[in-house]
PDB file of N, CA and C in Angstrom:
ATOM      1  N   MET A   1       0.713  -1.147  -0.209  1.00  0.00           N
ATOM      2  CA  MET A   1       0.024  -0.204   0.210  1.00  0.00           C
ATOM      3  C   MET A   1       0.817   1.206   0.078  1.00  0.00           C
ATOM      4  N   GLY A   2       2.102   1.128   0.601  1.00  0.00           N
ATOM      5  CA  GLY A   2       2.887   2.493   0.537  1.00  0.00           C
ATOM      6  C   GLY A   2       3.569   3.049  -0.537  1.00  0.00           C
ATOM      7  N   GLY A   3       3.607   1.711  -1.352  1.00  0.00           N
ATOM      8  CA  GLY A   3       4.186   2.024  -2.612  1.00  0.00           C
ATOM      9  C   GLY A   3       3.077   2.722  -3.658  1.00  0.00           C
ATOM     10  N   VAL A   4       2.232   2.025  -3.506  1.00  0.00           N
ATOM     11  CA  VAL A   4       1.234   3.208  -4.213  1.00  0.00           C
ATOM     12  C   VAL A   4       1.063   4.477  -3.807  1.00  0.00           C
ATOM     13  N   LEU A   5       0.992   4.677  -2.844  1.00  0.00           N
ATOM     14  CA  LEU A   5       0.849   6.005  -2.061  1.00  0.00           C
ATOM     15  C   LEU A   5       1.895   6.561  -2.665  1.00  0.00           C
ATOM     16  N   ALA A   6       3.078   6.400  -2.625  1.00  0.00           N
ATOM     17  CA  ALA A   6       4.317   7.362  -2.966  1.00  0.00           C
ATOM     18  C   ALA A   6       4.284   7.372  -4.398  1.00  0.00           C
ATOM     19  N   THR A   7       3.656   6.400  -5.221  1.00  0.00           N
ATOM     20  CA  THR A   7       3.456   6.572  -6.506  1.00  0.00           C
ATOM     21  C   THR A   7       2.503   7.829  -6.999  1.00  0.00           C
ATOM     22  N   TYR A   8       1.432   7.732  -6.074  1.00  0.00           N
ATOM     23  CA  TYR A   8       0.513   8.656  -6.609  1.00  0.00           C
ATOM     24  C   TYR A   8       1.090  10.191  -6.323  1.00  0.00           C
ATOM     25  N   THR A   9       2.110  10.272  -4.967  1.00  0.00           N
ATOM     26  CA  THR A   9       2.387  11.690  -4.719  1.00  0.00           C
ATOM     27  C   THR A   9       3.735  12.072  -5.292  1.00  0.00           C
ATOM     28  N   TYR A  10       4.404  11.181  -6.031  1.00  0.00           N
ATOM     29  CA  TYR A  10       5.354  11.593  -6.984  1.00  0.00           C
ATOM     30  C   TYR A  10       4.821  11.751  -8.494  1.00  0.00           C
ATOM     31  N   ILE A  11       3.788  11.143  -8.791  1.00  0.00           N
ATOM     32  CA  ILE A  11       3.343  11.085 -10.508  1.00  0.00           C
ATOM     33  C   ILE A  11       3.049  12.504 -10.981  1.00  0.00           C
ATOM     34  N   THR A  12       2.370  13.074  -9.871  1.00  0.00           N
ATOM     35  CA  THR A  12       2.135  14.422 -10.271  1.00  0.00           C
ATOM     36  C   THR A  12       3.001  15.697 -10.670  1.00  0.00           C
ATOM     37  N   PRO A  13       3.822  15.421  -9.736  1.00  0.00           N
ATOM     38  CA  PRO A  13       5.254  16.513  -9.999  1.00  0.00           C
ATOM     39  C   PRO A  13       6.167  15.969 -11.147  1.00  0.00           C
ATOM     40  N   LEU A  14       5.901  14.846 -11.180  1.00  0.00           N
ATOM     41  CA  LEU A  14       6.947  14.378 -12.732  1.00  0.00           C
ATOM     42  C   LEU A  14       5.847  14.493 -14.182  1.00  0.00           C
ATOM     43  N   PHE A  15       4.491  14.602 -13.729  1.00  0.00           N
ATOM     44  CA  PHE A  15       3.771  15.189 -14.833  1.00  0.00           C
ATOM     45  C   PHE A  15       4.201  16.441 -15.320  1.00  0.00           C
ATOM     46  N   THR A  16       4.144  17.381 -14.482  1.00  0.00           N
ATOM     47  CA  THR A  16       4.225  19.070 -14.703  1.00  0.00           C
ATOM     48  C   THR A  16       5.707  19.309 -15.045  1.00  0.00           C
ATOM     49  N   ASP A  17       6.690  18.765 -13.928  1.00  0.00           N
ATOM     50  CA  ASP A  17       8.176  19.392 -13.929  1.00  0.00           C
ATOM     51  C   ASP A  17       8.766  18.510 -15.204  1.00  0.00           C
ATOM     52  N   ARG A  18       8.788  17.273 -15.200  1.00  0.00           N
ATOM     53  CA  ARG A  18       9.706  16.665 -16.378  1.00  0.00           C
ATOM     54  C   ARG A  18       8.960  16.500 -17.441  1.00  0.00           C
ATOM     55  N   ALA A  19       7.589  16.108 -17.391  1.00  0.00           N
ATOM     56  CA  ALA A  19       6.988  15.849 -18.813  1.00  0.00           C
ATOM     57  C   ALA A  19       6.322  17.278 -19.716  1.00  0.00           C
ATOM     58  N   GLY A  20       6.500  18.228 -18.841  1.00  0.00           N
ATOM     59  CA  GLY A  20       5.519  19.274 -19.408  1.00  0.00           C
ATOM     60  C   GLY A  20       4.005  19.363 -19.546  1.00  0.00           C
ATOM     61  N   VAL A  21       3.576  18.485 -18.748  1.00  0.00           N
ATOM     62  CA  VAL A  21       2.188  18.419 -18.962  1.00  0.00           C
ATOM     63  C   VAL A  21       1.291  19.874 -18.298  1.00  0.00           C
ATOM     64  N   PRO A  22       0.500  20.394 -18.683  1.00  0.00           N
ATOM     65  CA  PRO A  22       0.019  21.465 -18.114  1.00  0.00           C
ATOM     66  C   PRO A  22      -0.691  21.045 -17.019  1.00  0.00           C
ATOM     67  N   ALA A  23      -1.100  22.069 -16.056  1.00  0.00           N
ATOM     68  CA  ALA A  23      -1.661  21.684 -14.845  1.00  0.00           C
ATOM     69  C   ALA A  23      -2.825  21.151 -14.627  1.00  0.00           C
ATOM     70  N   GLY A  24      -3.504  21.592 -15.948  1.00  0.00           N
ATOM     71  CA  GLY A  24      -5.219  21.115 -15.868  1.00  0.00           C
ATOM     72  C   GLY A  24      -5.562  20.032 -16.122  1.00  0.00           C
ATOM     73  N   SER A  25      -4.168  19.597 -16.679  1.00  0.00           N
ATOM     74  CA  SER A  25      -4.243  17.828 -17.375  1.00  0.00           C
ATOM     75  C   SER A  25      -3.923  16.845 -16.410  1.00  0.00           C
ATOM     76  N   ARG A  26      -3.543  17.495 -15.287  1.00  0.00           N
ATOM     77  CA  ARG A  26      -3.117  16.560 -14.308  1.00  0.00           C
ATOM     78  C   ARG A  26      -3.983  15.515 -13.980  1.00  0.00           C
ATOM     79  N   PRO A  27      -4.942  15.895 -13.608  1.00  0.00           N
ATOM     80  CA  PRO A  27      -6.286  14.880 -12.935  1.00  0.00           C
ATOM     81  C   PRO A  27      -6.203  13.475 -13.393  1.00  0.00           C
ATOM     82  N   PRO A  28      -6.405  13.619 -14.943  1.00  0.00           N
ATOM     83  CA  PRO A  28      -6.544  12.162 -15.817  1.00  0.00           C
ATOM     84  C   PRO A  28      -5.070  11.328 -15.719  1.00  0.00           C
ATOM     85  N   GLY A  29      -4.083  11.556 -15.541  1.00  0.00           N
ATOM     86  CA  GLY A  29      -2.825  11.220 -15.254  1.00  0.00           C
ATOM     87  C   GLY A  29      -3.001  10.028 -14.232  1.00  0.00           C
ATOM     88  N   PRO A  30      -3.321  10.384 -12.781  1.00  0.00           N
ATOM     89  CA  PRO A  30      -3.391   9.387 -11.856  1.00  0.00           C
ATOM     90  C   PRO A  30      -4.650   8.385 -12.091  1.00  0.00           C
ATOM     91  N   VAL A  31      -5.651   8.727 -12.753  1.00  0.00           N
ATOM     92  CA  VAL A  31      -6.895   7.885 -12.820  1.00  0.00           C
ATOM     93  C   VAL A  31      -6.339   6.904 -14.054  1.00  0.00           C
ATOM     94  N   VAL A  32      -5.696   7.220 -15.066  1.00  0.00           N
ATOM     95  CA  VAL A  32      -5.105   6.171 -15.878  1.00  0.00           C
ATOM     96  C   VAL A  32      -4.004   5.299 -15.537  1.00  0.00           C
ATOM     97  N   PHE A  33      -3.477   5.758 -14.594  1.00  0.00           N
ATOM     98  CA  PHE A  33      -2.585   4.978 -13.813  1.00  0.00           C
ATOM     99  C   PHE A  33      -3.409   4.145 -12.860  1.00  0.00           C
ATOM    100  N   GLY A  34      -4.216   4.620 -12.084  1.00  0.00           N
ATOM    101  CA  GLY A  34      -5.122   3.685 -11.495  1.00  0.00           C
ATOM    102  C   GLY A  34      -5.684   2.720 -12.078  1.00  0.00           C
ATOM    103  N   LEU A  35      -6.371   2.793 -13.234  1.00  0.00           N
ATOM    104  CA  LEU A  35      -7.282   1.855 -13.784  1.00  0.00           C
ATOM    105  C   LEU A  35      -6.000   0.814 -14.340  1.00  0.00           C
ATOM    106  N   GLY A  36      -5.059   1.227 -15.100  1.00  0.00           N
ATOM    107  CA  GLY A  36      -3.794   0.292 -15.416  1.00  0.00           C
ATOM    108  C   GLY A  36      -3.294  -0.632 -14.129  1.00  0.00           C
ATOM    109  N   ASP A  37      -3.299  -0.269 -13.013  1.00  0.00           N
ATOM    110  CA  ASP A  37      -3.029  -1.022 -11.752  1.00  0.00           C
ATOM    111  C   ASP A  37      -3.886  -1.929 -11.626  1.00  0.00           C
ATOM    112  N   LEU A  38      -5.111  -1.513 -11.574  1.00  0.00           N
ATOM    113  CA  LEU A  38      -6.359  -2.306 -11.297  1.00  0.00           C
ATOM    114  C   LEU A  38      -6.400  -3.792 -12.398  1.00  0.00           C
ATOM    115  N   GLY A  39      -6.253  -3.262 -13.606  1.00  0.00           N
ATOM    116  CA  GLY A  39      -6.380  -4.035 -14.581  1.00  0.00           C
ATOM    117  C   GLY A  39      -5.203  -4.976 -14.435  1.00  0.00           C
ATOM    118  N   GLY A  40      -3.808  -4.858 -14.239  1.00  0.00           N
ATOM    119  CA  GLY A  40      -2.802  -5.342 -14.182  1.00  0.00           C
ATOM    120  C   GLY A  40      -2.884  -6.232 -13.176  1.00  0.00           C
ATOM    121  N   THR A  41      -3.425  -5.796 -11.761  1.00  0.00           N
ATOM    122  CA  THR A  41      -3.825  -6.736 -10.881  1.00  0.00           C
ATOM    123  C   THR A  41      -4.504  -7.915 -11.101  1.00  0.00           C
ATOM    124  N   ALA A  42      -5.797  -7.386 -11.698  1.00  0.00           N
ATOM    125  CA  ALA A  42      -6.915  -8.454 -12.135  1.00  0.00           C
ATOM    126  C   ALA A  42      -6.055  -9.481 -12.718  1.00  0.00           C
ATOM    127  N   ILE A  43      -5.546  -8.934 -13.919  1.00  0.00           N
ATOM    128  CA  ILE A  43      -4.971  -9.932 -14.916  1.00  0.00           C
ATOM    129  C   ILE A  43      -3.905 -10.701 -14.501  1.00  0.00           C
ATOM    130  N   GLY A  44      -2.920 -10.338 -13.728  1.00  0.00           N
ATOM    131  CA  GLY A  44      -1.911 -10.866 -13.086  1.00  0.00           C
ATOM    132  C   GLY A  44      -2.317 -12.061 -11.994  1.00  0.00           C
ATOM    133  N   GLY A  45      -3.509 -11.513 -11.295  1.00  0.00           N
ATOM    134  CA  GLY A  45      -3.739 -12.713 -10.104  1.00  0.00           C
ATOM    135  C   GLY A  45      -4.822 -13.736 -10.952  1.00  0.00           C
ATOM    136  N   ARG A  46      -5.294 -13.593 -11.911  1.00  0.00           N
ATOM    137  CA  ARG A  46      -6.033 -14.666 -12.608  1.00  0.00           C
ATOM    138  C   ARG A  46      -4.990 -15.563 -13.234  1.00  0.00           C
ATOM    139  N   LEU A  47      -3.916 -14.967 -14.070  1.00  0.00           N
ATOM    140  CA  LEU A  47      -2.953 -15.753 -14.670  1.00  0.00           C
ATOM    141  C   LEU A  47      -2.230 -16.622 -13.449  1.00  0.00           C
ATOM    142  N   GLY A  48      -2.178 -15.781 -12.401  1.00  0.00           N
ATOM    143  CA  GLY A  48      -0.743 -16.447 -11.336  1.00  0.00           C
ATOM    144  C   GLY A  48      -1.893 -17.751 -10.837  1.00  0.00           C
ATOM    145  N   ASP A  49      -3.134 -17.401 -10.475  1.00  0.00           N
ATOM    146  CA  ASP A  49      -3.601 -18.776 -10.166  1.00  0.00           C
ATOM    147  C   ASP A  49      -3.881 -19.618 -11.273  1.00  0.00           C
ATOM    148  N   ARG A  50      -3.880 -19.508 -12.439  1.00  0.00           N
ATOM    149  CA  ARG A  50      -4.189 -20.591 -13.238  1.00  0.00           C
ATOM    150  C   ARG A  50      -2.661 -21.042 -13.893  1.00  0.00           C
ATOM    151  N   TYR A  51      -1.783 -20.356 -13.643  1.00  0.00           N
ATOM    152  CA  TYR A  51      -0.219 -20.894 -14.245  1.00  0.00           C
ATOM    153  C   TYR A  51       0.615 -20.669 -13.330  1.00  0.00           C
ATOM    154  N   SER A  52       0.446 -20.910 -11.906  1.00  0.00           N
ATOM    155  CA  SER A  52       1.659 -20.523 -10.885  1.00  0.00           C
ATOM    156  C   SER A  52       2.552 -21.147 -11.072  1.00  0.00           C
ATOM    157  N   MET A  53       2.491 -22.631 -10.999  1.00  0.00           N
ATOM    158  CA  MET A  53       3.697 -23.506 -11.024  1.00  0.00           C
ATOM    159  C   MET A  53       4.475 -23.410 -12.347  1.00  0.00           C
ATOM    160  N   ALA A  54       4.037 -23.072 -13.380  1.00  0.00           N
ATOM    161  CA  ALA A  54       4.526 -23.461 -14.548  1.00  0.00           C
ATOM    162  C   ALA A  54       5.307 -21.883 -14.852  1.00  0.00           C
ATOM    163  N   ILE A  55       4.388 -20.538 -14.206  1.00  0.00           N
ATOM    164  CA  ILE A  55       5.315 -19.252 -14.368  1.00  0.00           C
ATOM    165  C   ILE A  55       6.527 -19.327 -13.227  1.00  0.00           C
ATOM    166  N   ALA A  56       6.511 -20.016 -12.064  1.00  0.00           N
ATOM    167  CA  ALA A  56       7.268 -19.713 -11.390  1.00  0.00           C
ATOM    168  C   ALA A  56       8.609 -20.702 -11.795  1.00  0.00           C
ATOM    169  N   ASP A  57       8.387 -21.873 -12.573  1.00  0.00           N
ATOM    170  CA  ASP A  57       9.599 -22.570 -13.115  1.00  0.00           C
ATOM    171  C   ASP A  57      10.105 -21.675 -14.317  1.00  0.00           C
ATOM    172  N   GLU A  58       9.347 -21.204 -14.746  1.00  0.00           N
ATOM    173  CA  GLU A  58       9.759 -20.188 -16.232  1.00  0.00           C
ATOM    174  C   GLU A  58      10.652 -19.179 -15.496  1.00  0.00           C
ATOM    175  N   HIS A  59      10.323 -18.592 -14.504  1.00  0.00           N
ATOM    176  CA  HIS A  59      10.985 -17.501 -13.815  1.00  0.00           C
ATOM    177  C   HIS A  59      12.273 -18.071 -12.861  1.00  0.00           C
ATOM    178  N   GLN A  60      12.324 -19.066 -12.301  1.00  0.00           N
ATOM    179  CA  GLN A  60      13.677 -19.903 -11.945  1.00  0.00           C
ATOM    180  C   GLN A  60      14.260 -19.941 -12.847  1.00  0.00           C
ATOM    181  N   THR A  61      14.018 -20.621 -14.047  1.00  0.00           N
ATOM    182  CA  THR A  61      14.872 -21.039 -14.927  1.00  0.00           C
ATOM    183  C   THR A  61      15.633 -19.620 -15.614  1.00  0.00           C
ATOM    184  N   ALA A  62      14.925 -18.807 -15.695  1.00  0.00           N
ATOM    185  CA  ALA A  62      15.409 -17.265 -16.511  1.00  0.00           C
ATOM    186  C   ALA A  62      16.375 -16.707 -15.404  1.00  0.00           C
ATOM    187  N   LEU A  63      16.111 -16.664 -14.058  1.00  0.00           N
ATOM    188  CA  LEU A  63      17.261 -16.423 -13.225  1.00  0.00           C
ATOM    189  C   LEU A  63      18.302 -17.227 -13.084  1.00  0.00           C
ATOM    190  N   ASN A  64      18.415 -18.726 -13.100  1.00  0.00           N
ATOM    191  CA  ASN A  64      19.494 -19.563 -13.169  1.00  0.00           C
ATOM    192  C   ASN A  64      20.277 -19.205 -14.464  1.00  0.00           C
ATOM    193  N   ARG A  65      19.651 -18.948 -15.516  1.00  0.00           N
ATOM    194  CA  ARG A  65      20.587 -18.854 -16.754  1.00  0.00           C
ATOM    195  C   ARG A  65      20.913 -17.121 -16.741  1.00  0.00           C
ATOM    196  N   ALA A  66      20.227 -16.361 -16.109  1.00  0.00           N
ATOM    197  CA  ALA A  66      21.093 -15.094 -15.816  1.00  0.00           C
ATOM    198  C   ALA A  66      22.360 -15.342 -15.032  1.00  0.00           C
ATOM    199  N   ASP A  67      22.282 -16.084 -14.088  1.00  0.00           N
ATOM    200  CA  ASP A  67      23.341 -15.909 -13.012  1.00  0.00           C
ATOM    201  C   ASP A  67      24.693 -16.627 -13.666  1.00  0.00           C
ATOM    202  N   LEU A  68      24.171 -18.061 -14.705  1.00  0.00           N
ATOM    203  CA  LEU A  68      25.465 -18.612 -15.269  1.00  0.00           C
ATOM    204  C   LEU A  68      26.021 -17.710 -16.363  1.00  0.00           C
ATOM    205  N   ALA A  69      25.438 -16.700 -16.951  1.00  0.00           N
ATOM    206  CA  ALA A  69      25.578 -15.358 -18.349  1.00  0.00           C
ATOM    207  C   ALA A  69      26.922 -15.051 -17.399  1.00  0.00           C
TER     208      ALA A  69
END
């Protein structure tokens, strides 16, 4: 929960200071981020429930290959 709060805290200044987004356009940014976060959590949760062992095995294999490289 703290990571999401930090993201929302820092995302608005990043929009205005770094990206040059006008101040009036800021409110849709966190809304879009939140919708993406919600969708990613829902899809990731369903995929994790369905393919948890296969994904865990592939992830471990990729980590092992990275360690050997």
